[in-house]
Amino acid sequence: MSTLPVRRQQHSLFPEFSELFAAFPSLTGLRPAFDTRLMRLEDEMKGGHYEVRAEIPGVDPAKDIDITLRDGQLTIKAERSEKKEFEGRSEFSYGSFVRTVSLPAGADEDDVKATYDKGILTVSVAVKESKPAEKRVPIASAN
């Protein structure tokens, strides 16, 4: 009789910061403030450009999104607010999100374009072919 190996899901020794709030029901309202997964990002190299896509539905890109480049870092900041009124009650929800990614070597910070369509922000940065980052250094003999 053979036994099948049991696969165990590996967990980090340290849990996600936002998961700590799950243990304290009275603090669960704070969890979204610390949840870094609220703005999902995807990035890829595509046709000589580094593209970053962020899911940010329900915002006005002209007023609620700020994109900055500094020292090889791309930062996307977004703020979302919503007000619902029904049956004599109203609910407010709001939050701000910030994500920063490192640009690849050869990124041209002067050639950046951003578009927003159906809740998806796409930032495209041109990438020039860069020289190899590694350089061999010859060693001179002391003799």
Protein backbone atom coordinates (compact mmCIF):
# COMPACT_ATOMS: atom_id res chain seq x y z
CA MET A 1 0.00 0.00 0.00
CA SER A 2 1.43 3.39 -0.94
CA THR A 3 0.78 6.65 0.76
CA LEU A 4 0.48 9.92 -1.03
CA PRO A 5 2.73 12.72 0.13
CA VAL A 6 0.95 15.43 2.05
CA ARG A 7 1.55 18.96 0.82
CA ARG A 8 1.46 21.66 3.38
CA GLN A 9 0.92 25.26 2.54
CA GLN A 10 3.99 27.18 3.60
CA HIS A 11 3.42 30.16 5.83
CA SER A 12 5.86 32.88 6.55
CA LEU A 13 7.22 33.05 10.06
CA PHE A 14 5.86 36.61 10.17
CA PRO A 15 2.24 37.16 9.06
CA GLU A 16 1.14 40.02 6.82
CA PHE A 17 0.71 43.15 8.94
CA SER A 18 -2.94 43.41 7.88
CA GLU A 19 -3.60 39.81 9.04
CA LEU A 20 -2.75 40.77 12.61
CA PHE A 21 -6.04 42.66 12.81
CA ALA A 22 -8.03 39.47 12.10
CA ALA A 23 -7.25 38.28 15.63
CA PHE A 24 -8.85 41.40 17.13
CA PRO A 25 -12.48 41.75 15.96
CA SER A 26 -12.80 45.22 17.47
CA LEU A 27 -9.93 46.43 15.26
CA THR A 28 -11.11 44.91 11.97
CA GLY A 29 -12.28 48.35 10.83
CA LEU A 30 -8.62 49.38 10.77
CA ARG A 31 -7.57 46.52 8.53
CA PRO A 32 -8.18 48.27 5.17
CA ALA A 33 -6.00 51.18 6.26
CA PHE A 34 -3.03 48.83 6.47
CA ASP A 35 -3.91 46.41 3.67
CA THR A 36 -1.32 46.85 0.91
CA ARG A 37 -3.31 44.70 -1.49
CA LEU A 38 -6.03 47.32 -1.96
CA MET A 39 -4.30 48.64 -5.09
CA ARG A 40 -3.31 45.63 -7.13
CA LEU A 41 -0.36 46.18 -9.47
CA GLU A 42 0.93 44.24 -12.44
CA ASP A 43 4.06 45.15 -14.37
CA GLU A 44 5.78 43.89 -17.49
CA MET A 45 8.22 44.84 -20.24
CA LYS A 46 6.33 45.33 -23.48
CA GLY A 47 7.78 46.62 -26.77
CA GLY A 48 10.59 48.69 -25.24
CA HIS A 49 8.37 50.07 -22.49
CA TYR A 50 7.96 49.19 -18.82
CA GLU A 51 4.22 49.06 -18.13
CA VAL A 52 2.57 49.18 -14.74
CA ARG A 53 -1.18 48.54 -14.45
CA ALA A 54 -3.06 49.37 -11.27
CA GLU A 55 -6.65 48.49 -10.44
CA ILE A 56 -8.20 51.70 -9.09
CA PRO A 57 -11.94 51.63 -9.84
CA GLY A 58 -14.29 54.39 -8.81
CA VAL A 59 -11.92 57.36 -8.96
CA ASP A 60 -11.67 60.48 -11.08
CA PRO A 61 -8.16 60.20 -12.54
CA ALA A 62 -7.80 63.97 -13.01
CA LYS A 63 -8.49 64.70 -9.33
CA ASP A 64 -7.85 61.50 -7.38
CA ILE A 65 -4.63 60.03 -8.85
CA ASP A 66 -1.10 61.41 -8.56
CA ILE A 67 1.84 59.82 -10.39
CA THR A 68 5.42 60.85 -9.61
CA LEU A 69 8.87 59.75 -10.70
CA ARG A 70 11.90 60.34 -8.54
CA ASP A 71 15.33 58.72 -8.34
CA GLY A 72 14.29 55.68 -10.39
CA GLN A 73 11.07 55.14 -8.42
CA LEU A 74 7.52 55.33 -9.79
CA THR A 75 4.93 56.25 -7.14
CA ILE A 76 1.18 56.02 -7.66
CA LYS A 77 -1.07 57.69 -5.10
CA ALA A 78 -4.85 57.46 -5.25
CA GLU A 79 -7.67 58.61 -3.03
CA ARG A 80 -11.16 57.22 -3.20
CA SER A 81 -14.27 58.51 -1.49
CA GLU A 82 -17.85 57.40 -1.79
CA LYS A 83 -21.11 58.57 -0.27
CA LYS A 84 -24.31 56.51 -0.33
CA GLU A 85 -27.67 57.80 0.81
CA PHE A 86 -30.74 55.62 1.25
CA GLU A 87 -33.82 55.50 3.49
CA GLY A 88 -32.78 58.49 5.57
CA ARG A 89 -29.29 57.15 6.19
CA SER A 90 -25.98 57.88 4.60
CA GLU A 91 -22.72 55.98 4.50
CA PHE A 92 -19.28 57.33 3.77
CA SER A 93 -16.25 55.35 2.76
CA TYR A 94 -12.87 56.66 1.83
CA GLY A 95 -9.27 55.64 1.68
CA SER A 96 -5.94 56.53 0.19
CA PHE A 97 -3.51 54.15 -1.43
CA VAL A 98 0.17 54.50 -2.26
CA ARG A 99 2.38 52.06 -4.16
CA THR A 100 5.98 52.57 -5.29
CA VAL A 101 7.91 50.41 -7.75
CA SER A 102 11.52 50.59 -8.90
CA LEU A 103 12.02 51.42 -12.56
CA PRO A 104 14.27 49.13 -14.60
CA ALA A 105 17.76 50.20 -15.68
CA GLY A 106 17.62 52.46 -18.73
CA ALA A 107 14.17 53.87 -17.92
CA ASP A 108 13.63 57.29 -19.53
CA GLU A 109 11.83 59.38 -16.90
CA ASP A 110 11.13 62.03 -19.56
CA ASP A 111 9.13 59.59 -21.73
CA VAL A 112 6.19 58.55 -19.53
CA LYS A 113 2.53 58.18 -20.48
CA ALA A 114 -0.47 57.35 -18.31
CA THR A 115 -3.99 56.29 -19.30
CA TYR A 116 -7.07 55.39 -17.27
CA ASP A 117 -9.77 53.15 -18.73
CA LYS A 118 -12.55 51.23 -16.96
CA GLY A 119 -10.86 51.39 -13.56
CA ILE A 120 -7.40 50.40 -14.79
CA LEU A 121 -4.53 52.90 -14.66
CA THR A 122 -1.71 52.09 -17.08
CA VAL A 123 1.63 53.87 -16.78
CA SER A 124 4.15 53.29 -19.57
CA VAL A 125 7.81 54.30 -19.25
CA ALA A 126 10.17 54.04 -22.23
CA VAL A 127 13.26 51.95 -21.57
CA LYS A 128 16.42 52.52 -23.55
CA GLU A 129 18.79 49.65 -24.09
CA SER A 130 21.27 49.94 -21.31
CA LYS A 131 24.83 48.81 -21.13
CA PRO A 132 25.48 45.72 -19.06
CA ALA A 133 25.43 46.54 -15.36
CA GLU A 134 28.37 44.25 -14.71
CA LYS A 135 31.91 45.24 -15.57
CA ARG A 136 34.96 43.06 -15.10
CA VAL A 137 37.91 44.68 -13.37
CA PRO A 138 41.38 43.34 -14.20
CA ILE A 139 43.70 42.64 -11.29
CA ALA A 140 47.25 43.94 -11.57
CA SER A 141 50.02 41.94 -10.07
CA ALA A 142 52.18 43.64 -7.40
CA ASN A 143 55.34 41.88 -8.67
